[in-house]
Amino acid sequence: MRDTIKAFKALSDETRLRILNVLLERECCVCEVMQALDISQTRASRNLSILHDAGFLKLRKDGLWSLYSVDREGLKDYLSLLIEAVSRGLQDDKVVEHDRQRLSKAERVGPGCAVRYRKVGGKP
């Protein structure tokens, strides 16, 4: 029961729902999530960690990059159903559509990307 409670708590936050929606589109590093949602590095990292700890995400290291994606193969059945419900529930939402548009322009800008993004015009 503890894992189920953790999953529902993870989904009880707008930022985490938006992050999950972005990651349903594609694998992202923290700076890409920052750019897509227009949030700070701290906020992105903290919420990615919560989603990862709840079992929704997997983390893959690629050199200096920490890449997050929805753990489609390793998800427990009930988590897959929750992700499907989130996806359906956010289909026509204007905020998440705007996130997707920003994601299409987001890029990995190199080591220390979170710091560099803030200097180039991100709003932390």
PDB file of N, CA and C in Angstrom:
ATOM      1  N   MET A   1       0.821  -1.191   0.000  1.00  0.00           N
ATOM      2  CA  MET A   1       0.000   0.000   0.000  1.00  0.00           C
ATOM      3  C   MET A   1       0.865   1.255   0.000  1.00  0.00           C
ATOM      4  N   ARG A   2       2.015   1.190   0.632  1.00  0.00           N
ATOM      5  CA  ARG A   2       2.911   2.340   0.726  1.00  0.00           C
ATOM      6  C   ARG A   2       3.320   2.851  -0.657  1.00  0.00           C
ATOM      7  N   ASP A   3       3.611   1.928  -1.596  1.00  0.00           N
ATOM      8  CA  ASP A   3       3.997   2.316  -2.957  1.00  0.00           C
ATOM      9  C   ASP A   3       2.852   3.000  -3.697  1.00  0.00           C
ATOM     10  N   THR A   4       1.639   2.520  -3.464  1.00  0.00           N
ATOM     11  CA  THR A   4       0.473   3.126  -4.108  1.00  0.00           C
ATOM     12  C   THR A   4       0.263   4.547  -3.606  1.00  0.00           C
ATOM     13  N   ILE A   5       0.405   4.752  -2.317  1.00  0.00           N
ATOM     14  CA  ILE A   5       0.273   6.090  -1.740  1.00  0.00           C
ATOM     15  C   ILE A   5       1.343   7.019  -2.301  1.00  0.00           C
ATOM     16  N   LYS A   6       2.576   6.517  -2.409  1.00  0.00           N
ATOM     17  CA  LYS A   6       3.674   7.320  -2.964  1.00  0.00           C
ATOM     18  C   LYS A   6       3.370   7.725  -4.408  1.00  0.00           C
ATOM     19  N   ALA A   7       2.797   6.805  -5.191  1.00  0.00           N
ATOM     20  CA  ALA A   7       2.457   7.105  -6.587  1.00  0.00           C
ATOM     21  C   ALA A   7       1.390   8.188  -6.675  1.00  0.00           C
ATOM     22  N   PHE A   8       0.351   8.079  -5.862  1.00  0.00           N
ATOM     23  CA  PHE A   8      -0.706   9.085  -5.898  1.00  0.00           C
ATOM     24  C   PHE A   8      -0.209  10.441  -5.407  1.00  0.00           C
ATOM     25  N   LYS A   9       0.645  10.449  -4.404  1.00  0.00           N
ATOM     26  CA  LYS A   9       1.225  11.711  -3.943  1.00  0.00           C
ATOM     27  C   LYS A   9       2.077  12.341  -5.033  1.00  0.00           C
ATOM     28  N   ALA A  10       2.811  11.523  -5.769  1.00  0.00           N
ATOM     29  CA  ALA A  10       3.643  12.045  -6.852  1.00  0.00           C
ATOM     30  C   ALA A  10       2.794  12.711  -7.930  1.00  0.00           C
ATOM     31  N   LEU A  11       1.602  12.192  -8.153  1.00  0.00           N
ATOM     32  CA  LEU A  11       0.726  12.738  -9.192  1.00  0.00           C
ATOM     33  C   LEU A  11      -0.179  13.862  -8.690  1.00  0.00           C
ATOM     34  N   SER A  12      -0.030  14.231  -7.430  1.00  0.00           N
ATOM     35  CA  SER A  12      -0.924  15.241  -6.852  1.00  0.00           C
ATOM     36  C   SER A  12      -0.404  16.664  -7.015  1.00  0.00           C
ATOM     37  N   ASP A  13       0.572  16.855  -7.900  1.00  0.00           N
ATOM     38  CA  ASP A  13       1.191  18.168  -8.079  1.00  0.00           C
ATOM     39  C   ASP A  13       1.183  18.534  -9.559  1.00  0.00           C
ATOM     40  N   GLU A  14       0.797  19.762  -9.871  1.00  0.00           N
ATOM     41  CA  GLU A  14       0.713  20.217 -11.263  1.00  0.00           C
ATOM     42  C   GLU A  14       2.052  20.109 -11.986  1.00  0.00           C
ATOM     43  N   THR A  15       3.133  20.523 -11.342  1.00  0.00           N
ATOM     44  CA  THR A  15       4.448  20.472 -11.989  1.00  0.00           C
ATOM     45  C   THR A  15       4.821  19.049 -12.350  1.00  0.00           C
ATOM     46  N   ARG A  16       4.570  18.103 -11.459  1.00  0.00           N
ATOM     47  CA  ARG A  16       4.920  16.716 -11.742  1.00  0.00           C
ATOM     48  C   ARG A  16       4.049  16.141 -12.864  1.00  0.00           C
ATOM     49  N   LEU A  17       2.787  16.532 -12.936  1.00  0.00           N
ATOM     50  CA  LEU A  17       1.942  16.093 -14.049  1.00  0.00           C
ATOM     51  C   LEU A  17       2.471  16.656 -15.366  1.00  0.00           C
ATOM     52  N   ARG A  18       2.891  17.912 -15.349  1.00  0.00           N
ATOM     53  CA  ARG A  18       3.447  18.529 -16.556  1.00  0.00           C
ATOM     54  C   ARG A  18       4.753  17.857 -16.969  1.00  0.00           C
ATOM     55  N   ILE A  19       5.599  17.535 -15.999  1.00  0.00           N
ATOM     56  CA  ILE A  19       6.862  16.845 -16.303  1.00  0.00           C
ATOM     57  C   ILE A  19       6.571  15.473 -16.894  1.00  0.00           C
ATOM     58  N   LEU A  20       5.666  14.743 -16.293  1.00  0.00           N
ATOM     59  CA  LEU A  20       5.316  13.416 -16.800  1.00  0.00           C
ATOM     60  C   LEU A  20       4.807  13.517 -18.238  1.00  0.00           C
ATOM     61  N   ASN A  21       4.005  14.503 -18.510  1.00  0.00           N
ATOM     62  CA  ASN A  21       3.480  14.707 -19.851  1.00  0.00           C
ATOM     63  C   ASN A  21       4.607  14.978 -20.857  1.00  0.00           C
ATOM     64  N   VAL A  22       5.581  15.794 -20.473  1.00  0.00           N
ATOM     65  CA  VAL A  22       6.729  16.077 -21.339  1.00  0.00           C
ATOM     66  C   VAL A  22       7.532  14.802 -21.588  1.00  0.00           C
ATOM     67  N   LEU A  23       7.727  14.019 -20.544  1.00  0.00           N
ATOM     68  CA  LEU A  23       8.512  12.796 -20.681  1.00  0.00           C
ATOM     69  C   LEU A  23       7.773  11.704 -21.455  1.00  0.00           C
ATOM     70  N   LEU A  24       6.466  11.824 -21.580  1.00  0.00           N
ATOM     71  CA  LEU A  24       5.731  10.916 -22.447  1.00  0.00           C
ATOM     72  C   LEU A  24       6.051  11.214 -23.912  1.00  0.00           C
ATOM     73  N   GLU A  25       6.497  12.436 -24.193  1.00  0.00           N
ATOM     74  CA  GLU A  25       6.899  12.821 -25.548  1.00  0.00           C
ATOM     75  C   GLU A  25       8.268  12.258 -25.896  1.00  0.00           C
ATOM     76  N   ARG A  26       9.242  12.431 -24.955  1.00  0.00           N
ATOM     77  CA  ARG A  26      10.597  11.956 -25.220  1.00  0.00           C
ATOM     78  C   ARG A  26      11.452  12.013 -23.969  1.00  0.00           C
ATOM     79  N   GLU A  27      12.581  11.334 -24.018  1.00  0.00           N
ATOM     80  CA  GLU A  27      13.585  11.353 -22.959  1.00  0.00           C
ATOM     81  C   GLU A  27      14.165  12.770 -22.868  1.00  0.00           C
ATOM     82  N   CYS A  28      14.401  13.241 -21.634  1.00  0.00           N
ATOM     83  CA  CYS A  28      14.909  14.601 -21.440  1.00  0.00           C
ATOM     84  C   CYS A  28      15.932  14.647 -20.316  1.00  0.00           C
ATOM     85  N   CYS A  29      16.853  15.592 -20.446  1.00  0.00           N
ATOM     86  CA  CYS A  29      17.733  15.909 -19.323  1.00  0.00           C
ATOM     87  C   CYS A  29      17.049  17.011 -18.509  1.00  0.00           C
ATOM     88  N   VAL A  30      17.618  17.330 -17.375  1.00  0.00           N
ATOM     89  CA  VAL A  30      17.012  18.328 -16.489  1.00  0.00           C
ATOM     90  C   VAL A  30      16.853  19.668 -17.195  1.00  0.00           C
ATOM     91  N   CYS A  31      17.865  20.084 -17.968  1.00  0.00           N
ATOM     92  CA  CYS A  31      17.773  21.403 -18.602  1.00  0.00           C
ATOM     93  C   CYS A  31      16.670  21.454 -19.654  1.00  0.00           C
ATOM     94  N   GLU A  32      16.384  20.335 -20.308  1.00  0.00           N
ATOM     95  CA  GLU A  32      15.283  20.311 -21.268  1.00  0.00           C
ATOM     96  C   GLU A  32      13.930  20.422 -20.556  1.00  0.00           C
ATOM     97  N   VAL A  33      13.821  19.773 -19.405  1.00  0.00           N
ATOM     98  CA  VAL A  33      12.599  19.896 -18.606  1.00  0.00           C
ATOM     99  C   VAL A  33      12.435  21.343 -18.135  1.00  0.00           C
ATOM    100  N   MET A  34      13.541  21.947 -17.715  1.00  0.00           N
ATOM    101  CA  MET A  34      13.514  23.357 -17.287  1.00  0.00           C
ATOM    102  C   MET A  34      12.977  24.248 -18.401  1.00  0.00           C
ATOM    103  N   GLN A  35      13.508  24.044 -19.600  1.00  0.00           N
ATOM    104  CA  GLN A  35      13.108  24.870 -20.735  1.00  0.00           C
ATOM    105  C   GLN A  35      11.654  24.621 -21.125  1.00  0.00           C
ATOM    106  N   ALA A  36      11.242  23.367 -21.144  1.00  0.00           N
ATOM    107  CA  ALA A  36       9.880  23.032 -21.561  1.00  0.00           C
ATOM    108  C   ALA A  36       8.838  23.601 -20.606  1.00  0.00           C
ATOM    109  N   LEU A  37       9.122  23.560 -19.306  1.00  0.00           N
ATOM    110  CA  LEU A  37       8.154  24.029 -18.315  1.00  0.00           C
ATOM    111  C   LEU A  37       8.434  25.453 -17.846  1.00  0.00           C
ATOM    112  N   ASP A  38       9.607  26.003 -18.231  1.00  0.00           N
ATOM    113  CA  ASP A  38      10.028  27.333 -17.814  1.00  0.00           C
ATOM    114  C   ASP A  38      10.085  27.413 -16.286  1.00  0.00           C
ATOM    115  N   ILE A  39      10.846  26.460 -15.714  1.00  0.00           N
ATOM    116  CA  ILE A  39      11.013  26.388 -14.260  1.00  0.00           C
ATOM    117  C   ILE A  39      12.493  26.345 -13.914  1.00  0.00           C
ATOM    118  N   SER A  40      12.799  26.499 -12.639  1.00  0.00           N
ATOM    119  CA  SER A  40      14.184  26.484 -12.175  1.00  0.00           C
ATOM    120  C   SER A  40      14.755  25.071 -12.166  1.00  0.00           C
ATOM    121  N   GLN A  41      16.089  24.992 -12.113  1.00  0.00           N
ATOM    122  CA  GLN A  41      16.774  23.706 -12.047  1.00  0.00           C
ATOM    123  C   GLN A  41      16.406  22.969 -10.765  1.00  0.00           C
ATOM    124  N   THR A  42      16.330  23.688  -9.671  1.00  0.00           N
ATOM    125  CA  THR A  42      15.987  23.069  -8.385  1.00  0.00           C
ATOM    126  C   THR A  42      14.598  22.443  -8.436  1.00  0.00           C
ATOM    127  N   ARG A  43      13.657  23.180  -8.967  1.00  0.00           N
ATOM    128  CA  ARG A  43      12.283  22.686  -9.047  1.00  0.00           C
ATOM    129  C   ARG A  43      12.191  21.477  -9.981  1.00  0.00           C
ATOM    130  N   ALA A  44      12.863  21.550 -11.131  1.00  0.00           N
ATOM    131  CA  ALA A  44      12.847  20.433 -12.077  1.00  0.00           C
ATOM    132  C   ALA A  44      13.464  19.186 -11.440  1.00  0.00           C
ATOM    133  N   SER A  45      14.641  19.343 -10.849  1.00  0.00           N
ATOM    134  CA  SER A  45      15.345  18.198 -10.257  1.00  0.00           C
ATOM    135  C   SER A  45      14.562  17.567  -9.116  1.00  0.00           C
ATOM    136  N   ARG A  46      14.016  18.400  -8.246  1.00  0.00           N
ATOM    137  CA  ARG A  46      13.257  17.883  -7.099  1.00  0.00           C
ATOM    138  C   ARG A  46      12.048  17.074  -7.570  1.00  0.00           C
ATOM    139  N   ASN A  47      11.323  17.594  -8.555  1.00  0.00           N
ATOM    140  CA  ASN A  47      10.119  16.911  -9.021  1.00  0.00           C
ATOM    141  C   ASN A  47      10.435  15.678  -9.862  1.00  0.00           C
ATOM    142  N   LEU A  48      11.516  15.709 -10.624  1.00  0.00           N
ATOM    143  CA  LEU A  48      11.957  14.513 -11.334  1.00  0.00           C
ATOM    144  C   LEU A  48      12.313  13.412 -10.339  1.00  0.00           C
ATOM    145  N   SER A  49      12.968  13.788  -9.262  1.00  0.00           N
ATOM    146  CA  SER A  49      13.342  12.827  -8.230  1.00  0.00           C
ATOM    147  C   SER A  49      12.113  12.181  -7.594  1.00  0.00           C
ATOM    148  N   ILE A  50      11.101  12.958  -7.325  1.00  0.00           N
ATOM    149  CA  ILE A  50       9.870  12.429  -6.732  1.00  0.00           C
ATOM    150  C   ILE A  50       9.203  11.435  -7.680  1.00  0.00           C
ATOM    151  N   LEU A  51       9.123  11.782  -8.967  1.00  0.00           N
ATOM    152  CA  LEU A  51       8.528  10.874  -9.948  1.00  0.00           C
ATOM    153  C   LEU A  51       9.361   9.598 -10.106  1.00  0.00           C
ATOM    154  N   HIS A  52      10.675   9.747 -10.055  1.00  0.00           N
ATOM    155  CA  HIS A  52      11.573   8.591 -10.146  1.00  0.00           C
ATOM    156  C   HIS A  52      11.389   7.683  -8.926  1.00  0.00           C
ATOM    157  N   ASP A  53      11.374   8.269  -7.736  1.00  0.00           N
ATOM    158  CA  ASP A  53      11.211   7.490  -6.501  1.00  0.00           C
ATOM    159  C   ASP A  53       9.862   6.771  -6.441  1.00  0.00           C
ATOM    160  N   ALA A  54       8.847   7.357  -7.081  1.00  0.00           N
ATOM    161  CA  ALA A  54       7.519   6.732  -7.080  1.00  0.00           C
ATOM    162  C   ALA A  54       7.424   5.597  -8.099  1.00  0.00           C
ATOM    163  N   GLY A  55       8.456   5.443  -8.948  1.00  0.00           N
ATOM    164  CA  GLY A  55       8.475   4.333  -9.887  1.00  0.00           C
ATOM    165  C   GLY A  55       8.022   4.653 -11.295  1.00  0.00           C
ATOM    166  N   PHE A  56       7.733   5.920 -11.586  1.00  0.00           N
ATOM    167  CA  PHE A  56       7.260   6.295 -12.917  1.00  0.00           C
ATOM    168  C   PHE A  56       8.389   6.449 -13.931  1.00  0.00           C
ATOM    169  N   LEU A  57       9.564   6.846 -13.478  1.00  0.00           N
ATOM    170  CA  LEU A  57      10.650   7.199 -14.389  1.00  0.00           C
ATOM    171  C   LEU A  57      11.855   6.293 -14.222  1.00  0.00           C
ATOM    172  N   LYS A  58      12.642   6.229 -15.284  1.00  0.00           N
ATOM    173  CA  LYS A  58      13.952   5.597 -15.199  1.00  0.00           C
ATOM    174  C   LYS A  58      14.989   6.665 -15.526  1.00  0.00           C
ATOM    175  N   LEU A  59      16.161   6.465 -14.992  1.00  0.00           N
ATOM    176  CA  LEU A  59      17.272   7.398 -15.146  1.00  0.00           C
ATOM    177  C   LEU A  59      18.388   6.676 -15.874  1.00  0.00           C
ATOM    178  N   ARG A  60      18.891   7.333 -16.921  1.00  0.00           N
ATOM    179  CA  ARG A  60      19.978   6.767 -17.704  1.00  0.00           C
ATOM    180  C   ARG A  60      21.094   7.795 -17.767  1.00  0.00           C
ATOM    181  N   LYS A  61      22.311   7.363 -17.470  1.00  0.00           N
ATOM    182  CA  LYS A  61      23.472   8.245 -17.552  1.00  0.00           C
ATOM    183  C   LYS A  61      24.094   8.098 -18.935  1.00  0.00           C
ATOM    184  N   ASP A  62      24.420   9.240 -19.538  1.00  0.00           N
ATOM    185  CA  ASP A  62      25.099   9.267 -20.823  1.00  0.00           C
ATOM    186  C   ASP A  62      26.194  10.319 -20.722  1.00  0.00           C
ATOM    187  N   GLY A  63      27.376   9.891 -20.310  1.00  0.00           N
ATOM    188  CA  GLY A  63      28.453  10.843 -20.052  1.00  0.00           C
ATOM    189  C   GLY A  63      28.078  11.731 -18.879  1.00  0.00           C
ATOM    190  N   LEU A  64      28.057  13.024 -19.107  1.00  0.00           N
ATOM    191  CA  LEU A  64      27.687  13.983 -18.062  1.00  0.00           C
ATOM    192  C   LEU A  64      26.180  14.143 -17.910  1.00  0.00           C
ATOM    193  N   TRP A  65      25.433  13.601 -18.847  1.00  0.00           N
ATOM    194  CA  TRP A  65      23.987  13.782 -18.858  1.00  0.00           C
ATOM    195  C   TRP A  65      23.280  12.781 -17.961  1.00  0.00           C
ATOM    196  N   SER A  66      22.255  13.246 -17.287  1.00  0.00           N
ATOM    197  CA  SER A  66      21.301  12.393 -16.583  1.00  0.00           C
ATOM    198  C   SER A  66      19.997  12.514 -17.350  1.00  0.00           C
ATOM    199  N   LEU A  67      19.608  11.446 -18.006  1.00  0.00           N
ATOM    200  CA  LEU A  67      18.443  11.468 -18.885  1.00  0.00           C
ATOM    201  C   LEU A  67      17.290  10.703 -18.253  1.00  0.00           C
ATOM    202  N   TYR A  68      16.141  11.353 -18.194  1.00  0.00           N
ATOM    203  CA  TYR A  68      14.944  10.768 -17.601  1.00  0.00           C
ATOM    204  C   TYR A  68      13.957  10.393 -18.695  1.00  0.00           C
ATOM    205  N   SER A  69      13.266   9.294 -18.472  1.00  0.00           N
ATOM    206  CA  SER A  69      12.193   8.884 -19.364  1.00  0.00           C
ATOM    207  C   SER A  69      11.176   8.076 -18.566  1.00  0.00           C
ATOM    208  N   VAL A  70       9.990   7.938 -19.145  1.00  0.00           N
ATOM    209  CA  VAL A  70       8.968   7.104 -18.520  1.00  0.00           C
ATOM    210  C   VAL A  70       9.446   5.661 -18.631  1.00  0.00           C
ATOM    211  N   ASP A  71       9.404   4.941 -17.530  1.00  0.00           N
ATOM    212  CA  ASP A  71       9.887   3.555 -17.477  1.00  0.00           C
ATOM    213  C   ASP A  71       8.801   2.616 -17.992  1.00  0.00           C
ATOM    214  N   ARG A  72       8.597   2.623 -19.304  1.00  0.00           N
ATOM    215  CA  ARG A  72       7.502   1.866 -19.914  1.00  0.00           C
ATOM    216  C   ARG A  72       7.626   0.354 -19.691  1.00  0.00           C
ATOM    217  N   GLU A  73       8.849  -0.182 -19.703  1.00  0.00           N
ATOM    218  CA  GLU A  73       9.031  -1.627 -19.540  1.00  0.00           C
ATOM    219  C   GLU A  73       8.971  -2.054 -18.077  1.00  0.00           C
ATOM    220  N   GLY A  74       9.433  -1.222 -17.179  1.00  0.00           N
ATOM    221  CA  GLY A  74       9.544  -1.618 -15.783  1.00  0.00           C
ATOM    222  C   GLY A  74       8.379  -1.203 -14.899  1.00  0.00           C
ATOM    223  N   LEU A  75       7.385  -0.552 -15.473  1.00  0.00           N
ATOM    224  CA  LEU A  75       6.258  -0.078 -14.664  1.00  0.00           C
ATOM    225  C   LEU A  75       5.398  -1.216 -14.149  1.00  0.00           C
ATOM    226  N   LYS A  76       4.975  -1.083 -12.917  1.00  0.00           N
ATOM    227  CA  LYS A  76       3.968  -1.997 -12.388  1.00  0.00           C
ATOM    228  C   LYS A  76       2.663  -1.693 -13.121  1.00  0.00           C
ATOM    229  N   ASP A  77       1.776  -2.677 -13.197  1.00  0.00           N
ATOM    230  CA  ASP A  77       0.540  -2.522 -13.969  1.00  0.00           C
ATOM    231  C   ASP A  77      -0.269  -1.297 -13.555  1.00  0.00           C
ATOM    232  N   TYR A  78      -0.417  -1.083 -12.263  1.00  0.00           N
ATOM    233  CA  TYR A  78      -1.241   0.041 -11.820  1.00  0.00           C
ATOM    234  C   TYR A  78      -0.598   1.377 -12.176  1.00  0.00           C
ATOM    235  N   LEU A  79       0.743   1.440 -12.237  1.00  0.00           N
ATOM    236  CA  LEU A  79       1.412   2.681 -12.638  1.00  0.00           C
ATOM    237  C   LEU A  79       1.174   2.968 -14.117  1.00  0.00           C
ATOM    238  N   SER A  80       1.155   1.925 -14.937  1.00  0.00           N
ATOM    239  CA  SER A  80       0.842   2.102 -16.362  1.00  0.00           C
ATOM    240  C   SER A  80      -0.559   2.663 -16.538  1.00  0.00           C
ATOM    241  N   LEU A  81      -1.486   2.164 -15.747  1.00  0.00           N
ATOM    242  CA  LEU A  81      -2.860   2.670 -15.825  1.00  0.00           C
ATOM    243  C   LEU A  81      -2.937   4.127 -15.378  1.00  0.00           C
ATOM    244  N   LEU A  82      -2.183   4.484 -14.343  1.00  0.00           N
ATOM    245  CA  LEU A  82      -2.172   5.877 -13.885  1.00  0.00           C
ATOM    246  C   LEU A  82      -1.574   6.798 -14.943  1.00  0.00           C
ATOM    247  N   ILE A  83      -0.500   6.371 -15.595  1.00  0.00           N
ATOM    248  CA  ILE A  83       0.101   7.190 -16.650  1.00  0.00           C
ATOM    249  C   ILE A  83      -0.873   7.369 -17.810  1.00  0.00           C
ATOM    250  N   GLU A  84      -1.573   6.314 -18.162  1.00  0.00           N
ATOM    251  CA  GLU A  84      -2.578   6.412 -19.232  1.00  0.00           C
ATOM    252  C   GLU A  84      -3.679   7.400 -18.837  1.00  0.00           C
ATOM    253  N   ALA A  85      -4.107   7.361 -17.595  1.00  0.00           N
ATOM    254  CA  ALA A  85      -5.128   8.295 -17.120  1.00  0.00           C
ATOM    255  C   ALA A  85      -4.625   9.733 -17.161  1.00  0.00           C
ATOM    256  N   VAL A  86      -3.377   9.952 -16.768  1.00  0.00           N
ATOM    257  CA  VAL A  86      -2.787  11.295 -16.821  1.00  0.00           C
ATOM    258  C   VAL A  86      -2.732  11.770 -18.265  1.00  0.00           C
ATOM    259  N   SER A  87      -2.270  10.920 -19.158  1.00  0.00           N
ATOM    260  CA  SER A  87      -2.161  11.274 -20.569  1.00  0.00           C
ATOM    261  C   SER A  87      -3.515  11.663 -21.148  1.00  0.00           C
ATOM    262  N   ARG A  88      -4.520  10.881 -20.875  1.00  0.00           N
ATOM    263  CA  ARG A  88      -5.876  11.188 -21.367  1.00  0.00           C
ATOM    264  C   ARG A  88      -6.442  12.455 -20.733  1.00  0.00           C
ATOM    265  N   GLY A  89      -6.190  12.612 -19.449  1.00  0.00           N
ATOM    266  CA  GLY A  89      -6.724  13.771 -18.736  1.00  0.00           C
ATOM    267  C   GLY A  89      -6.111  15.092 -19.181  1.00  0.00           C
ATOM    268  N   LEU A  90      -4.892  15.045 -19.703  1.00  0.00           N
ATOM    269  CA  LEU A  90      -4.197  16.273 -20.107  1.00  0.00           C
ATOM    270  C   LEU A  90      -4.245  16.522 -21.606  1.00  0.00           C
ATOM    271  N   GLN A  91      -4.952  15.694 -22.363  1.00  0.00           N
ATOM    272  CA  GLN A  91      -4.952  15.779 -23.826  1.00  0.00           C
ATOM    273  C   GLN A  91      -5.246  17.169 -24.366  1.00  0.00           C
ATOM    274  N   ASP A  92      -6.255  17.821 -23.895  1.00  0.00           N
ATOM    275  CA  ASP A  92      -6.669  19.103 -24.462  1.00  0.00           C
ATOM    276  C   ASP A  92      -6.295  20.288 -23.583  1.00  0.00           C
ATOM    277  N   ASP A  93      -5.370  20.097 -22.663  1.00  0.00           N
ATOM    278  CA  ASP A  93      -4.976  21.152 -21.741  1.00  0.00           C
ATOM    279  C   ASP A  93      -4.022  22.134 -22.427  1.00  0.00           C
ATOM    280  N   LYS A  94      -4.325  23.417 -22.344  1.00  0.00           N
ATOM    281  CA  LYS A  94      -3.531  24.446 -23.013  1.00  0.00           C
ATOM    282  C   LYS A  94      -2.137  24.601 -22.403  1.00  0.00           C
ATOM    283  N   VAL A  95      -2.017  24.433 -21.096  1.00  0.00           N
ATOM    284  CA  VAL A  95      -0.715  24.564 -20.436  1.00  0.00           C
ATOM    285  C   VAL A  95       0.237  23.475 -20.911  1.00  0.00           C
ATOM    286  N   VAL A  96      -0.225  22.232 -20.948  1.00  0.00           N
ATOM    287  CA  VAL A  96       0.660  21.148 -21.366  1.00  0.00           C
ATOM    288  C   VAL A  96       0.941  21.206 -22.864  1.00  0.00           C
ATOM    289  N   GLU A  97       0.039  21.745 -23.631  1.00  0.00           N
ATOM    290  CA  GLU A  97       0.304  21.942 -25.056  1.00  0.00           C
ATOM    291  C   GLU A  97       1.422  22.976 -25.239  1.00  0.00           C
ATOM    292  N   HIS A  98       1.392  24.024 -24.435  1.00  0.00           N
ATOM    293  CA  HIS A  98       2.448  25.034 -24.471  1.00  0.00           C
ATOM    294  C   HIS A  98       3.778  24.418 -24.037  1.00  0.00           C
ATOM    295  N   ASP A  99       3.748  23.540 -23.030  1.00  0.00           N
ATOM    296  CA  ASP A  99       4.961  22.821 -22.605  1.00  0.00           C
ATOM    297  C   ASP A  99       5.531  22.011 -23.767  1.00  0.00           C
ATOM    298  N   ARG A 100       4.665  21.322 -24.498  1.00  0.00           N
ATOM    299  CA  ARG A 100       5.116  20.509 -25.633  1.00  0.00           C
ATOM    300  C   ARG A 100       5.751  21.376 -26.724  1.00  0.00           C
ATOM    301  N   GLN A 101       5.170  22.534 -26.955  1.00  0.00           N
ATOM    302  CA  GLN A 101       5.743  23.446 -27.952  1.00  0.00           C
ATOM    303  C   GLN A 101       7.134  23.907 -27.531  1.00  0.00           C
ATOM    304  N   ARG A 102       7.289  24.265 -26.249  1.00  0.00           N
ATOM    305  CA  ARG A 102       8.612  24.676 -25.762  1.00  0.00           C
ATOM    306  C   ARG A 102       9.591  23.502 -25.801  1.00  0.00           C
ATOM    307  N   LEU A 103       9.093  22.283 -25.526  1.00  0.00           N
ATOM    308  CA  LEU A 103       9.957  21.106 -25.573  1.00  0.00           C
ATOM    309  C   LEU A 103      10.535  20.918 -26.973  1.00  0.00           C
ATOM    310  N   SER A 104       9.753  21.203 -27.992  1.00  0.00           N
ATOM    311  CA  SER A 104      10.242  21.022 -29.362  1.00  0.00           C
ATOM    312  C   SER A 104      11.421  21.947 -29.663  1.00  0.00           C
ATOM    313  N   LYS A 105      11.587  23.012 -28.885  1.00  0.00           N
ATOM    314  CA  LYS A 105      12.692  23.954 -29.067  1.00  0.00           C
ATOM    315  C   LYS A 105      13.790  23.776 -28.018  1.00  0.00           C
ATOM    316  N   ALA A 106      13.537  22.940 -27.028  1.00  0.00           N
ATOM    317  CA  ALA A 106      14.496  22.744 -25.939  1.00  0.00           C
ATOM    318  C   ALA A 106      15.710  21.987 -26.444  1.00  0.00           C
ATOM    319  N   GLU A 107      16.857  22.313 -25.853  1.00  0.00           N
ATOM    320  CA  GLU A 107      18.075  21.634 -26.270  1.00  0.00           C
ATOM    321  C   GLU A 107      19.017  21.450 -25.102  1.00  0.00           C
ATOM    322  N   ARG A 108      19.862  20.463 -25.236  1.00  0.00           N
ATOM    323  CA  ARG A 108      20.931  20.237 -24.268  1.00  0.00           C
ATOM    324  C   ARG A 108      22.049  21.186 -24.657  1.00  0.00           C
ATOM    325  N   VAL A 109      22.372  22.069 -23.758  1.00  0.00           N
ATOM    326  CA  VAL A 109      23.318  23.128 -24.100  1.00  0.00           C
ATOM    327  C   VAL A 109      24.712  22.878 -23.567  1.00  0.00           C
ATOM    328  N   GLY A 110      25.001  21.685 -23.124  1.00  0.00           N
ATOM    329  CA  GLY A 110      26.350  21.342 -22.682  1.00  0.00           C
ATOM    330  C   GLY A 110      26.432  21.182 -21.183  1.00  0.00           C
ATOM    331  N   PRO A 111      27.625  20.777 -20.698  1.00  0.00           N
ATOM    332  CA  PRO A 111      27.819  20.610 -19.258  1.00  0.00           C
ATOM    333  C   PRO A 111      27.465  21.901 -18.512  1.00  0.00           C
ATOM    334  N   GLY A 112      26.821  21.751 -17.412  1.00  0.00           N
ATOM    335  CA  GLY A 112      26.383  22.930 -16.657  1.00  0.00           C
ATOM    336  C   GLY A 112      25.212  23.619 -17.330  1.00  0.00           C
ATOM    337  N   CYS A 113      24.436  22.856 -18.102  1.00  0.00           N
ATOM    338  CA  CYS A 113      23.366  23.449 -18.906  1.00  0.00           C
ATOM    339  C   CYS A 113      22.353  24.201 -18.057  1.00  0.00           C
ATOM    340  N   ALA A 114      22.090  23.724 -16.862  1.00  0.00           N
ATOM    341  CA  ALA A 114      21.102  24.391 -16.019  1.00  0.00           C
ATOM    342  C   ALA A 114      21.557  25.813 -15.697  1.00  0.00           C
ATOM    343  N   VAL A 115      22.830  25.991 -15.393  1.00  0.00           N
ATOM    344  CA  VAL A 115      23.350  27.320 -15.096  1.00  0.00           C
ATOM    345  C   VAL A 115      23.349  28.167 -16.358  1.00  0.00           C
ATOM    346  N   ARG A 116      23.783  27.603 -17.474  1.00  0.00           N
ATOM    347  CA  ARG A 116      23.850  28.346 -18.726  1.00  0.00           C
ATOM    348  C   ARG A 116      22.462  28.767 -19.177  1.00  0.00           C
ATOM    349  N   TYR A 117      21.463  27.900 -19.047  1.00  0.00           N
ATOM    350  CA  TYR A 117      20.101  28.230 -19.461  1.00  0.00           C
ATOM    351  C   TYR A 117      19.599  29.444 -18.702  1.00  0.00           C
ATOM    352  N   ARG A 118      19.887  29.528 -17.427  1.00  0.00           N
ATOM    353  CA  ARG A 118      19.432  30.660 -16.622  1.00  0.00           C
ATOM    354  C   ARG A 118      20.032  31.951 -17.137  1.00  0.00           C
ATOM    355  N   LYS A 119      21.274  31.927 -17.626  1.00  0.00           N
ATOM    356  CA  LYS A 119      21.932  33.139 -18.118  1.00  0.00           C
ATOM    357  C   LYS A 119      21.408  33.553 -19.471  1.00  0.00           C
ATOM    358  N   VAL A 120      20.906  32.599 -20.265  1.00  0.00           N
ATOM    359  CA  VAL A 120      20.485  32.897 -21.626  1.00  0.00           C
ATOM    360  C   VAL A 120      19.043  33.397 -21.683  1.00  0.00           C
ATOM    361  N   GLY A 121      18.304  33.294 -20.642  1.00  0.00           N
ATOM    362  CA  GLY A 121      16.960  33.837 -20.699  1.00  0.00           C
ATOM    363  C   GLY A 121      15.891  33.011 -20.032  1.00  0.00           C
ATOM    364  N   GLY A 122      16.266  31.934 -19.400  1.00  0.00           N
ATOM    365  CA  GLY A 122      15.270  31.151 -18.672  1.00  0.00           C
ATOM    366  C   GLY A 122      14.806  31.889 -17.448  1.00  0.00           C
ATOM    367  N   LYS A 123      13.619  31.570 -17.000  1.00  0.00           N
ATOM    368  CA  LYS A 123      13.083  32.193 -15.790  1.00  0.00           C
ATOM    369  C   LYS A 123      13.051  31.164 -14.680  1.00  0.00           C
ATOM    370  N   PRO A 124      14.054  31.150 -13.817  1.00  0.00           N
ATOM    371  CA  PRO A 124      14.071  30.166 -12.737  1.00  0.00           C
ATOM    372  C   PRO A 124      13.007  30.431 -11.704  1.00  0.00           C
TER     373      PRO A 124
END
